[in-house]
Amino acid sequence: MRRNQLLAGIMTALTAVMPAVSVYVDTAAASEILTSNETVQTETNIDKTTALQNSVKLIDMLSTEASGKNIMFSPTSLNFALGMIAEGAKGETKEVLSAYLGTSDFASYAKEYLDKIQAYNTEDESYGYQSKVKIADAVWVDDGLTLQEKFKNTVSNSFGAEVEAVDFSAAEETCDIINSWCDKNTEGLIPKIVTPDLINDNTGLCLTNSLYFESGWSGEPWNVSDTEENFGKIEKTKYMTCTGDQYYENDKSTAFGRDYANGLSFIGILPNDEGDFTLEDLDISGLLKSNPEYDAVDCKMPKLNFETSTVLNDMLSNLGLDNIFSSNADFSGIADQNVNVDTILQKTKLELDENGTKAAAVTAVTMECMSAAVEDEPIIKTVELTRPFAFLIYDRNNDEVLFIGKVMSVS
């Protein structure tokens, strides 16, 4: 068996997050390997290294708040939502959003990415899973607020956003409308995102982004054991096993990659040290750039089924976005009245078994109106996720991390 030399990060080192499905692309031609001091640049000149760093910091903050629970976060969904409001931001507000997103022109990136993922949505089915990566955006504007024409055109043309007039004074009815959109665009995985308590007398806008991923595994399904084994030191579960498609390692962790039929990959990351961990400490960017020698990788992990819901205001403020929540925010390019961000909420759901994966995320941003190789002996690597671990679902071809998560329990 010929020894594989992994293309550090396979296509690109991971990044902010986004989708893909069903067409295999020549990864060597698609992007270059990052070095520790390099910045990944796409056609729209987006700094994906910064985007990834922010995503890793955010998932670690979520983990601290979750106190030992499983969590998953979608950088892509959040960035699309922030990218929309950035189109109406000016001054310092525009600057902080651009710094977080890694570009001052996220709209161009969004348009390009939405075009690219069309190739991943096919009628193909693998072990009961279809190939799907769907991103949808919407702007829900109160009857009494008028959007600036430039903003309306940009979110429609670049983000494909629906722009709908609603009556926020009728909170329950408006929530039903928004939640129906949410349920439809996540194919029932996330049936609702907003509740009447998120709406008040000053609510003028709600921007929503949904991300839906579905695919069977490339190749044969995982094998499922009939015997329960330990997960960590306390719990027991029945594990899935298979031969993986990629292997990574650094001085902090080892990882396997298992490809989906649609071209995305699941990356299971096992810290070298037992117990709790932070993703920042694991140096994920460096891990995906590793180039170890190996002939095969044996993989082991539990099935996963969990959801996460969290308000991101405080965490985003700690990452430099406090301005967008303040009375100093300048979103004068959005509407005919001054607005600022009231709440940013994200919900995610993951279902992963031996045949494939379904994952979804919805981000809602509510805004208030303001008063003014050589043949050799085989090297077999093993990565067994039999204790707390991290994972990614990412699009190697387009350098997008759709989902990033942390599993602490199997119960």
Protein backbone atom coordinates (compact mmCIF):
# COMPACT_ATOMS: atom_id res chain seq x y z
CA MET A 1 0.00 0.00 0.00
CA ARG A 2 1.43 3.35 -0.93
CA ARG A 3 2.10 5.64 1.98
CA ASN A 4 -0.09 8.74 1.95
CA GLN A 5 1.29 12.20 2.53
CA LEU A 6 -1.62 14.35 3.56
CA LEU A 7 -1.85 17.73 1.84
CA ALA A 8 -1.66 19.80 4.99
CA GLY A 9 -5.21 20.70 5.56
CA ILE A 10 -6.15 18.89 2.42
CA MET A 11 -7.23 21.85 0.45
CA THR A 12 -6.75 24.79 2.54
CA ALA A 13 -6.55 25.13 6.25
CA LEU A 14 -9.99 25.36 7.65
CA THR A 15 -11.66 28.69 8.02
CA ALA A 16 -14.80 30.40 8.90
CA VAL A 17 -17.43 28.01 7.83
CA MET A 18 -19.51 27.06 4.84
CA PRO A 19 -21.09 24.27 2.87
CA ALA A 20 -20.60 21.90 0.00
CA VAL A 21 -21.89 18.69 -1.50
CA SER A 22 -21.50 16.19 -4.38
CA VAL A 23 -18.76 17.16 -6.79
CA TYR A 24 -15.18 16.03 -6.30
CA VAL A 25 -12.61 18.70 -7.12
CA ASP A 26 -8.87 18.45 -7.63
CA THR A 27 -7.77 19.59 -4.19
CA ALA A 28 -4.18 20.20 -5.19
CA ALA A 29 -5.31 22.83 -7.66
CA ALA A 30 -7.94 24.32 -5.42
CA SER A 31 -5.78 26.01 -2.83
CA GLU A 32 -2.42 26.29 -1.21
CA ILE A 33 -1.26 25.07 2.16
CA LEU A 34 -1.07 27.69 4.85
CA THR A 35 2.07 28.39 6.78
CA SER A 36 1.84 29.70 10.32
CA ASN A 37 2.26 33.29 9.15
CA GLU A 38 0.15 33.11 5.99
CA THR A 39 -3.36 34.40 5.48
CA VAL A 40 -5.76 32.46 3.28
CA GLN A 41 -7.09 34.73 0.54
CA THR A 42 -10.05 33.94 -1.68
CA GLU A 43 -11.21 35.77 -4.77
CA THR A 44 -12.82 38.36 -2.53
CA ASN A 45 -9.71 38.88 -0.42
CA ILE A 46 -11.18 37.48 2.79
CA ASP A 47 -8.90 36.73 5.74
CA LYS A 48 -10.00 33.22 6.62
CA THR A 49 -7.31 32.78 9.23
CA THR A 50 -8.88 35.55 11.31
CA ALA A 51 -12.34 34.08 10.73
CA LEU A 52 -11.18 30.67 11.97
CA GLN A 53 -9.47 32.15 15.02
CA ASN A 54 -12.67 33.98 15.96
CA SER A 55 -14.72 30.81 15.49
CA VAL A 56 -12.39 28.79 17.72
CA LYS A 57 -12.47 31.44 20.45
CA LEU A 58 -16.26 31.56 20.23
CA ILE A 59 -16.69 27.78 20.53
CA ASP A 60 -14.42 27.80 23.60
CA MET A 61 -16.57 30.54 25.18
CA LEU A 62 -19.68 28.49 24.39
CA SER A 63 -18.08 25.45 25.98
CA THR A 64 -17.36 27.34 29.20
CA GLU A 65 -20.98 28.47 29.35
CA ALA A 66 -22.30 24.98 28.54
CA SER A 67 -20.54 23.41 31.55
CA GLY A 68 -19.75 19.96 30.18
CA LYS A 69 -22.57 19.67 27.62
CA ASN A 70 -22.11 18.91 23.94
CA ILE A 71 -22.07 22.00 21.75
CA MET A 72 -22.00 22.85 18.06
CA PHE A 73 -21.66 26.24 16.40
CA SER A 74 -21.89 27.34 12.78
CA PRO A 75 -19.40 30.04 11.79
CA THR A 76 -20.92 30.16 8.30
CA SER A 77 -24.42 30.91 9.53
CA LEU A 78 -23.24 33.60 11.95
CA ASN A 79 -20.96 35.22 9.39
CA PHE A 80 -23.69 35.39 6.77
CA ALA A 81 -25.98 37.12 9.29
CA LEU A 82 -23.24 39.54 10.36
CA GLY A 83 -22.32 40.04 6.72
CA MET A 84 -25.82 41.27 5.97
CA ILE A 85 -25.88 43.90 8.72
CA ALA A 86 -22.33 44.95 7.77
CA GLU A 87 -23.74 46.14 4.44
CA GLY A 88 -25.62 48.86 6.29
CA ALA A 89 -22.87 49.72 8.77
CA LYS A 90 -20.68 52.83 8.70
CA GLY A 91 -17.74 54.27 10.64
CA GLU A 92 -16.50 52.30 13.64
CA THR A 93 -19.41 49.87 13.34
CA LYS A 94 -18.30 48.91 9.83
CA GLU A 95 -14.68 48.66 10.98
CA VAL A 96 -15.34 46.20 13.82
CA LEU A 97 -17.57 44.02 11.65
CA SER A 98 -14.97 43.99 8.87
CA ALA A 99 -12.25 43.03 11.35
CA TYR A 100 -14.34 40.15 12.70
CA LEU A 101 -15.41 38.87 9.28
CA GLY A 102 -11.96 39.25 7.74
CA THR A 103 -13.23 41.44 4.91
CA SER A 104 -14.98 44.75 4.31
CA ASP A 105 -16.88 43.18 1.40
CA PHE A 106 -18.52 40.04 2.75
CA ALA A 107 -21.38 40.53 0.29
CA SER A 108 -19.12 39.63 -2.64
CA TYR A 109 -17.85 36.56 -0.80
CA ALA A 110 -21.42 35.51 0.04
CA LYS A 111 -22.49 35.77 -3.60
CA GLU A 112 -19.51 33.74 -4.78
CA TYR A 113 -20.04 31.04 -2.18
CA LEU A 114 -23.77 30.74 -2.85
CA ASP A 115 -22.92 30.20 -6.51
CA LYS A 116 -20.29 27.55 -5.69
CA ILE A 117 -22.50 25.40 -3.46
CA GLN A 118 -25.12 24.96 -6.15
CA ALA A 119 -22.96 22.15 -7.53
CA TYR A 120 -23.27 20.28 -4.25
CA ASN A 121 -27.05 20.03 -4.29
CA THR A 122 -27.93 16.98 -6.38
CA GLU A 123 -30.57 14.30 -6.54
CA ASP A 124 -27.98 11.70 -5.56
CA GLU A 125 -28.81 9.54 -2.54
CA SER A 126 -26.40 7.56 -0.38
CA TYR A 127 -27.73 5.16 2.24
CA GLY A 128 -30.92 7.20 2.70
CA TYR A 129 -29.21 10.61 2.72
CA GLN A 130 -29.41 13.12 -0.13
CA SER A 131 -26.62 15.52 -1.05
CA LYS A 132 -27.66 18.95 0.18
CA VAL A 133 -26.03 22.16 1.32
CA LYS A 134 -28.53 24.98 1.49
CA ILE A 135 -28.05 28.54 2.71
CA ALA A 136 -31.04 30.88 2.99
CA ASP A 137 -31.30 34.48 4.20
CA ALA A 138 -34.22 36.73 5.05
CA VAL A 139 -34.82 40.26 6.30
CA TRP A 140 -38.02 40.78 8.26
CA VAL A 141 -38.78 44.50 8.45
CA ASP A 142 -41.50 46.19 10.48
CA ASP A 143 -44.31 47.88 8.57
CA GLY A 144 -43.29 51.22 10.06
CA LEU A 145 -39.66 51.04 8.93
CA THR A 146 -38.35 51.70 5.42
CA LEU A 147 -35.17 50.00 4.24
CA GLN A 148 -32.53 51.98 2.37
CA GLU A 149 -32.71 50.98 -1.28
CA LYS A 150 -28.98 50.17 -1.54
CA PHE A 151 -29.13 47.86 1.49
CA LYS A 152 -32.25 46.12 0.20
CA ASN A 153 -30.67 45.54 -3.21
CA THR A 154 -27.40 44.23 -1.75
CA VAL A 155 -28.96 41.69 0.61
CA SER A 156 -31.28 40.54 -2.15
CA ASN A 157 -28.67 40.27 -4.89
CA SER A 158 -25.59 39.12 -2.94
CA PHE A 159 -27.16 37.07 -0.14
CA GLY A 160 -30.30 35.95 -1.99
CA ALA A 161 -32.29 37.30 0.94
CA GLU A 162 -36.05 37.47 1.00
CA VAL A 163 -37.26 40.85 2.23
CA GLU A 164 -40.63 40.64 3.97
CA ALA A 165 -42.73 43.27 5.76
CA VAL A 166 -44.16 42.14 9.11
CA ASP A 167 -45.93 43.66 12.09
CA PHE A 168 -43.70 43.28 15.15
CA SER A 169 -46.49 44.64 17.36
CA ALA A 170 -48.25 41.34 16.64
CA ALA A 171 -45.38 39.38 18.18
CA GLU A 172 -46.85 35.88 18.18
CA GLU A 173 -48.06 36.10 14.59
CA THR A 174 -44.71 37.46 13.39
CA CYS A 175 -42.80 34.75 15.29
CA ASP A 176 -44.97 32.12 13.60
CA ILE A 177 -44.08 33.56 10.18
CA ILE A 178 -40.34 33.64 10.90
CA ASN A 179 -40.36 30.19 12.53
CA SER A 180 -42.23 28.70 9.58
CA TRP A 181 -39.40 29.98 7.35
CA CYS A 182 -36.87 28.49 9.77
CA ASP A 183 -38.59 25.08 9.84
CA LYS A 184 -38.85 24.95 6.04
CA ASN A 185 -35.24 25.90 5.34
CA THR A 186 -33.77 23.44 7.87
CA GLU A 187 -36.10 20.65 6.72
CA GLY A 188 -37.61 20.38 10.19
CA LEU A 189 -34.34 20.05 12.13
CA ILE A 190 -34.83 23.49 13.72
CA PRO A 191 -38.57 24.26 13.84
CA LYS A 192 -38.27 27.62 15.59
CA ILE A 193 -35.73 30.35 16.30
CA VAL A 194 -37.61 33.34 17.73
CA THR A 195 -40.11 33.66 20.56
CA PRO A 196 -42.36 36.62 21.46
CA ASP A 197 -40.12 37.57 24.40
CA LEU A 198 -37.37 38.50 21.92
CA ILE A 199 -39.63 41.17 20.44
CA ASN A 200 -40.42 44.49 22.12
CA ASP A 201 -41.99 47.84 21.24
CA ASN A 202 -38.74 49.02 19.61
CA THR A 203 -38.07 45.97 17.43
CA GLY A 204 -37.78 47.09 13.84
CA LEU A 205 -35.84 44.33 12.09
CA CYS A 206 -35.01 40.64 12.31
CA LEU A 207 -32.41 39.16 9.96
CA THR A 208 -32.18 35.38 9.69
CA ASN A 209 -29.73 32.96 8.11
CA SER A 210 -30.21 29.21 7.84
CA LEU A 211 -27.67 26.56 6.88
CA TYR A 212 -28.71 22.97 6.15
CA PHE A 213 -26.30 20.12 5.42
CA GLU A 214 -27.14 16.54 4.53
CA SER A 215 -25.05 13.73 3.05
CA GLY A 216 -24.33 10.05 3.29
CA TRP A 217 -20.78 8.86 3.79
CA SER A 218 -18.46 8.27 0.86
CA GLY A 219 -17.87 4.55 0.50
CA GLU A 220 -19.36 2.00 2.86
CA PRO A 221 -21.27 2.89 6.05
CA TRP A 222 -19.57 2.62 9.43
CA ASN A 223 -19.72 -0.70 11.26
CA VAL A 224 -21.75 -0.52 14.49
CA SER A 225 -20.77 -2.65 17.47
CA ASP A 226 -23.35 -4.64 19.43
CA THR A 227 -21.29 -4.24 22.59
CA GLU A 228 -21.21 -1.20 24.83
CA GLU A 229 -17.80 0.22 25.75
CA ASN A 230 -16.62 3.06 27.93
CA PHE A 231 -16.79 6.68 26.80
CA GLY A 232 -14.46 8.52 29.13
CA LYS A 233 -14.46 7.07 32.63
CA ILE A 234 -18.17 7.02 33.47
CA GLU A 235 -20.43 6.54 30.44
CA LYS A 236 -20.91 3.61 28.06
CA THR A 237 -21.97 3.55 24.41
CA LYS A 238 -21.94 1.41 21.26
CA TYR A 239 -19.26 2.62 18.87
CA MET A 240 -18.99 2.90 15.09
CA THR A 241 -15.75 1.88 13.37
CA CYS A 242 -14.34 2.32 9.86
CA THR A 243 -11.21 3.07 7.88
CA GLY A 244 -10.82 6.82 7.47
CA ASP A 245 -9.77 8.92 4.50
CA GLN A 246 -7.23 11.26 6.12
CA TYR A 247 -5.01 11.36 9.18
CA TYR A 248 -3.60 14.41 11.01
CA GLU A 249 -1.42 14.89 14.06
CA ASN A 250 0.44 17.56 16.00
CA ASP A 251 1.87 17.72 19.50
CA LYS A 252 -1.58 18.45 20.97
CA SER A 253 -3.89 15.96 19.23
CA THR A 254 -4.53 13.35 16.54
CA ALA A 255 -7.42 13.42 14.09
CA PHE A 256 -9.09 11.47 11.30
CA GLY A 257 -11.01 12.71 8.29
CA ARG A 258 -13.96 10.78 6.87
CA ASP A 259 -15.37 12.04 3.57
CA TYR A 260 -19.02 12.53 2.78
CA ALA A 261 -20.48 11.56 -0.60
CA ASN A 262 -21.01 15.26 -1.33
CA GLY A 263 -17.36 16.21 -0.94
CA LEU A 264 -17.36 17.66 2.58
CA SER A 265 -15.48 15.98 5.40
CA PHE A 266 -16.03 15.10 9.04
CA ILE A 267 -12.89 15.70 11.10
CA GLY A 268 -12.77 13.94 14.47
CA ILE A 269 -10.13 15.43 16.77
CA LEU A 270 -8.84 13.58 19.85
CA PRO A 271 -6.77 15.64 22.34
CA ASN A 272 -3.62 13.89 23.56
CA ASP A 273 -4.50 14.76 27.15
CA GLU A 274 -7.60 13.32 28.78
CA GLY A 275 -10.31 15.49 30.32
CA ASP A 276 -11.61 18.88 29.31
CA PHE A 277 -9.81 20.95 26.70
CA THR A 278 -10.07 24.09 24.61
CA LEU A 279 -10.03 24.06 20.83
CA GLU A 280 -7.64 27.01 20.86
CA ASP A 281 -5.08 24.87 22.69
CA LEU A 282 -5.40 22.13 20.06
CA ASP A 283 -4.07 24.42 17.31
CA ILE A 284 -6.59 23.20 14.73
CA SER A 285 -5.10 25.28 11.93
CA GLY A 286 -1.71 23.70 12.53
CA LEU A 287 -3.27 20.25 12.90
CA LEU A 288 -4.89 20.44 9.47
CA LYS A 289 -1.59 21.52 7.95
CA SER A 290 0.21 18.47 9.36
CA ASN A 291 1.80 16.02 6.94
CA PRO A 292 2.32 12.73 8.79
CA GLU A 293 3.27 9.50 7.07
CA TYR A 294 0.56 6.86 7.20
CA ASP A 295 -0.94 4.07 5.12
CA ALA A 296 -4.33 3.81 6.79
CA VAL A 297 -6.23 5.23 9.72
CA ASP A 298 -8.63 3.20 11.83
CA CYS A 299 -11.48 5.31 13.21
CA LYS A 300 -13.85 4.86 16.10
CA MET A 301 -16.57 7.18 17.35
CA PRO A 302 -20.09 7.22 18.83
CA LYS A 303 -23.26 8.20 17.01
CA LEU A 304 -24.24 11.81 17.76
CA ASN A 305 -27.60 13.51 18.18
CA PHE A 306 -27.80 16.84 20.02
CA GLU A 307 -28.73 20.49 19.66
CA THR A 308 -27.37 23.79 20.92
CA SER A 309 -29.11 27.11 21.49
CA THR A 310 -27.33 30.21 22.70
CA VAL A 311 -27.43 34.00 22.76
CA LEU A 312 -24.10 35.27 21.42
CA ASN A 313 -24.18 38.94 22.54
CA ASP A 314 -21.65 38.78 25.38
CA MET A 315 -19.26 36.48 23.54
CA LEU A 316 -19.25 38.61 20.39
CA SER A 317 -18.76 41.73 22.52
CA ASN A 318 -15.68 40.07 24.05
CA LEU A 319 -14.39 39.44 20.53
CA GLY A 320 -14.53 43.14 19.64
CA LEU A 321 -18.13 43.63 18.47
CA ASP A 322 -19.44 45.54 21.49
CA ASN A 323 -20.08 48.59 19.27
CA ILE A 324 -22.87 46.91 17.29
CA PHE A 325 -24.94 46.44 20.46
CA SER A 326 -24.44 50.00 21.72
CA SER A 327 -26.20 53.29 21.15
CA ASN A 328 -23.05 54.36 19.26
CA ALA A 329 -23.69 51.82 16.51
CA ASP A 330 -24.02 53.35 13.06
CA PHE A 331 -26.33 51.28 10.88
CA SER A 332 -27.64 54.30 9.02
CA GLY A 333 -27.22 52.41 5.75
CA ILE A 334 -29.93 49.91 6.70
CA ALA A 335 -33.09 51.94 7.22
CA ASP A 336 -34.61 55.40 7.49
CA GLN A 337 -34.31 55.23 11.29
CA ASN A 338 -31.26 54.54 13.45
CA VAL A 339 -31.07 50.92 14.61
CA ASN A 340 -28.70 48.82 16.68
CA VAL A 341 -28.42 45.11 17.41
CA ASP A 342 -30.53 43.88 20.29
CA THR A 343 -29.96 40.09 20.22
CA ILE A 344 -27.95 37.58 18.19
CA LEU A 345 -29.19 34.03 18.71
CA GLN A 346 -28.03 30.79 17.10
CA LYS A 347 -29.52 27.31 17.21
CA THR A 348 -27.85 24.20 15.79
CA LYS A 349 -28.83 20.54 15.46
CA LEU A 350 -26.68 17.50 14.59
CA GLU A 351 -27.75 13.96 13.69
CA LEU A 352 -24.84 11.65 12.81
CA ASP A 353 -25.03 7.89 12.39
CA GLU A 354 -23.38 5.05 10.46
CA ASN A 355 -25.06 6.03 7.18
CA GLY A 356 -24.59 9.79 7.09
CA THR A 357 -25.18 13.16 8.72
CA LYS A 358 -27.77 15.91 8.91
CA ALA A 359 -26.78 19.25 10.44
CA ALA A 360 -28.53 22.59 10.57
CA ALA A 361 -28.03 26.06 11.99
CA VAL A 362 -30.17 29.17 12.18
CA THR A 363 -28.87 32.57 13.27
CA ALA A 364 -31.29 35.38 14.08
CA VAL A 365 -30.28 39.03 14.56
CA THR A 366 -32.96 41.27 16.04
CA MET A 367 -32.43 45.02 15.70
CA GLU A 368 -34.11 47.83 17.61
CA CYS A 369 -34.97 51.27 16.37
CA MET A 370 -33.20 53.98 18.36
CA SER A 371 -34.30 57.44 19.07
CA ALA A 372 -32.19 58.98 16.93
CA ALA A 373 5.51 8.57 -1.30
CA VAL A 374 7.61 5.09 -1.27
CA GLU A 375 6.46 1.47 -0.76
CA ASP A 376 7.20 0.59 2.82
CA GLU A 377 5.90 -1.32 5.76
CA PRO A 378 2.36 -0.07 6.34
CA ILE A 379 1.95 2.64 8.94
CA ILE A 380 -1.50 2.24 10.45
CA LYS A 381 -2.81 5.11 12.54
CA THR A 382 -5.71 4.86 14.97
CA VAL A 383 -7.98 7.63 16.24
CA GLU A 384 -10.62 6.42 18.68
CA LEU A 385 -13.03 9.05 19.94
CA THR A 386 -13.75 7.19 23.16
CA ARG A 387 -13.51 10.22 25.43
CA PRO A 388 -14.30 13.95 25.03
CA PHE A 389 -13.38 15.16 21.54
CA ALA A 390 -13.84 17.97 19.04
CA PHE A 391 -15.13 17.81 15.49
CA LEU A 392 -15.59 19.82 12.31
CA ILE A 393 -17.74 19.55 9.24
CA TYR A 394 -15.88 21.45 6.60
CA ASP A 395 -15.70 22.21 2.93
CA ARG A 396 -12.11 21.58 1.87
CA ASN A 397 -12.66 22.75 -1.68
CA ASN A 398 -13.82 26.22 -0.63
CA ASP A 399 -11.95 26.50 2.68
CA GLU A 400 -15.12 26.84 4.76
CA VAL A 401 -15.85 25.39 8.20
CA LEU A 402 -19.60 24.83 8.26
CA PHE A 403 -19.84 23.46 11.77
CA ILE A 404 -17.45 23.16 14.71
CA GLY A 405 -18.31 21.27 17.87
CA LYS A 406 -17.23 19.61 21.08
CA VAL A 407 -18.55 16.33 22.51
CA MET A 408 -18.29 15.81 26.24
CA SER A 409 -21.02 13.19 26.79
CA VAL A 410 -22.85 10.41 24.94
CA SER A 411 -25.91 10.38 27.17
